[in-house]
Amino acid sequence: MHSRRVELQPAYLLHTRSYGDTSLLIEAFTPEHGRVGLIAKGARGPRSRTRAYLQPLQPLLLSWSARGELGTVTGVEAQGQPVPLVGEAMFCAWYANELLMRLCAREDPHPILFAAYVSLLLRLADDSEPALRAFECRLLEELGYGLRLPADLDPGQRYRYDWERGPLPVGDDGEEVFAGDSLIALREDRLTEAGQRQDARRLLRLALRRQLGGKPLETARLLRELRGLATVGTG
């Protein structure tokens, strides 16, 4: 098997864990190589120069060599300052990372999705909910399961979302029924009203659940708990 070298690839870390006594096993997301698994040898050692860089939300330039599924980090540079996120915005970033870990295969390039991830991080601090919905939509599109939101939706009509045909007009309510105005707002990335946001969240939760194979996301549970505590605290 021939080895290959990758130099100075833009990247963000999705997940890290200890590997051996002093190394790290990292999952990075890159535009040209998709999600990659890498070993950062000695990164946890007391004299490591890369440890401070190998953090989530830090824009990086990564270099590595690989012969099989796991590569070895050969260089790390910061490409800028990490995005300053706190509270719910931070949880949303972790949630996006978990989605990419669960739904994107290794070595499957998604440059458009990488750009959407960068945009998400920049938007989260201002208004996390519409930023997250836009990212979820792009993720589904890139995986081949994009939502069907046609141009002729009626804002005053209610629709049942059919997973094969898209929105179908109905006169009743249900788990998969949404306001036309909400679907239009989602399509146009302008979720400004509470009802629109609730509908968009429900629809995308259902859509993603179909791709996750029944195993829930840990960060989604933690985010719901965080929101619940915030609601209790303001009561």
Foldseek 3Di string as FASTA:
>chain_A
DDKDKDWFFKWFWLDWDDDPDAKIWTWIATQQFGTATEIEPRLRPPPHPCVVQNDGQFTWGWMWMDDDRYIYTDDIDTPDGGQDDDDLLVLLLNLVSVLSVQQPDGRDHDNVLVVLNVVLSVCSVPPNQLSSLLSLQVVCVSSPQHADQDPPQDQAFKFFQDSVPGTDTDDDDDLRIAGSVLSVCSVVSNQDDPRSSVRSVSNSVVSVCVRNVNDDDPSVVVSVVSVVVVVVVVD
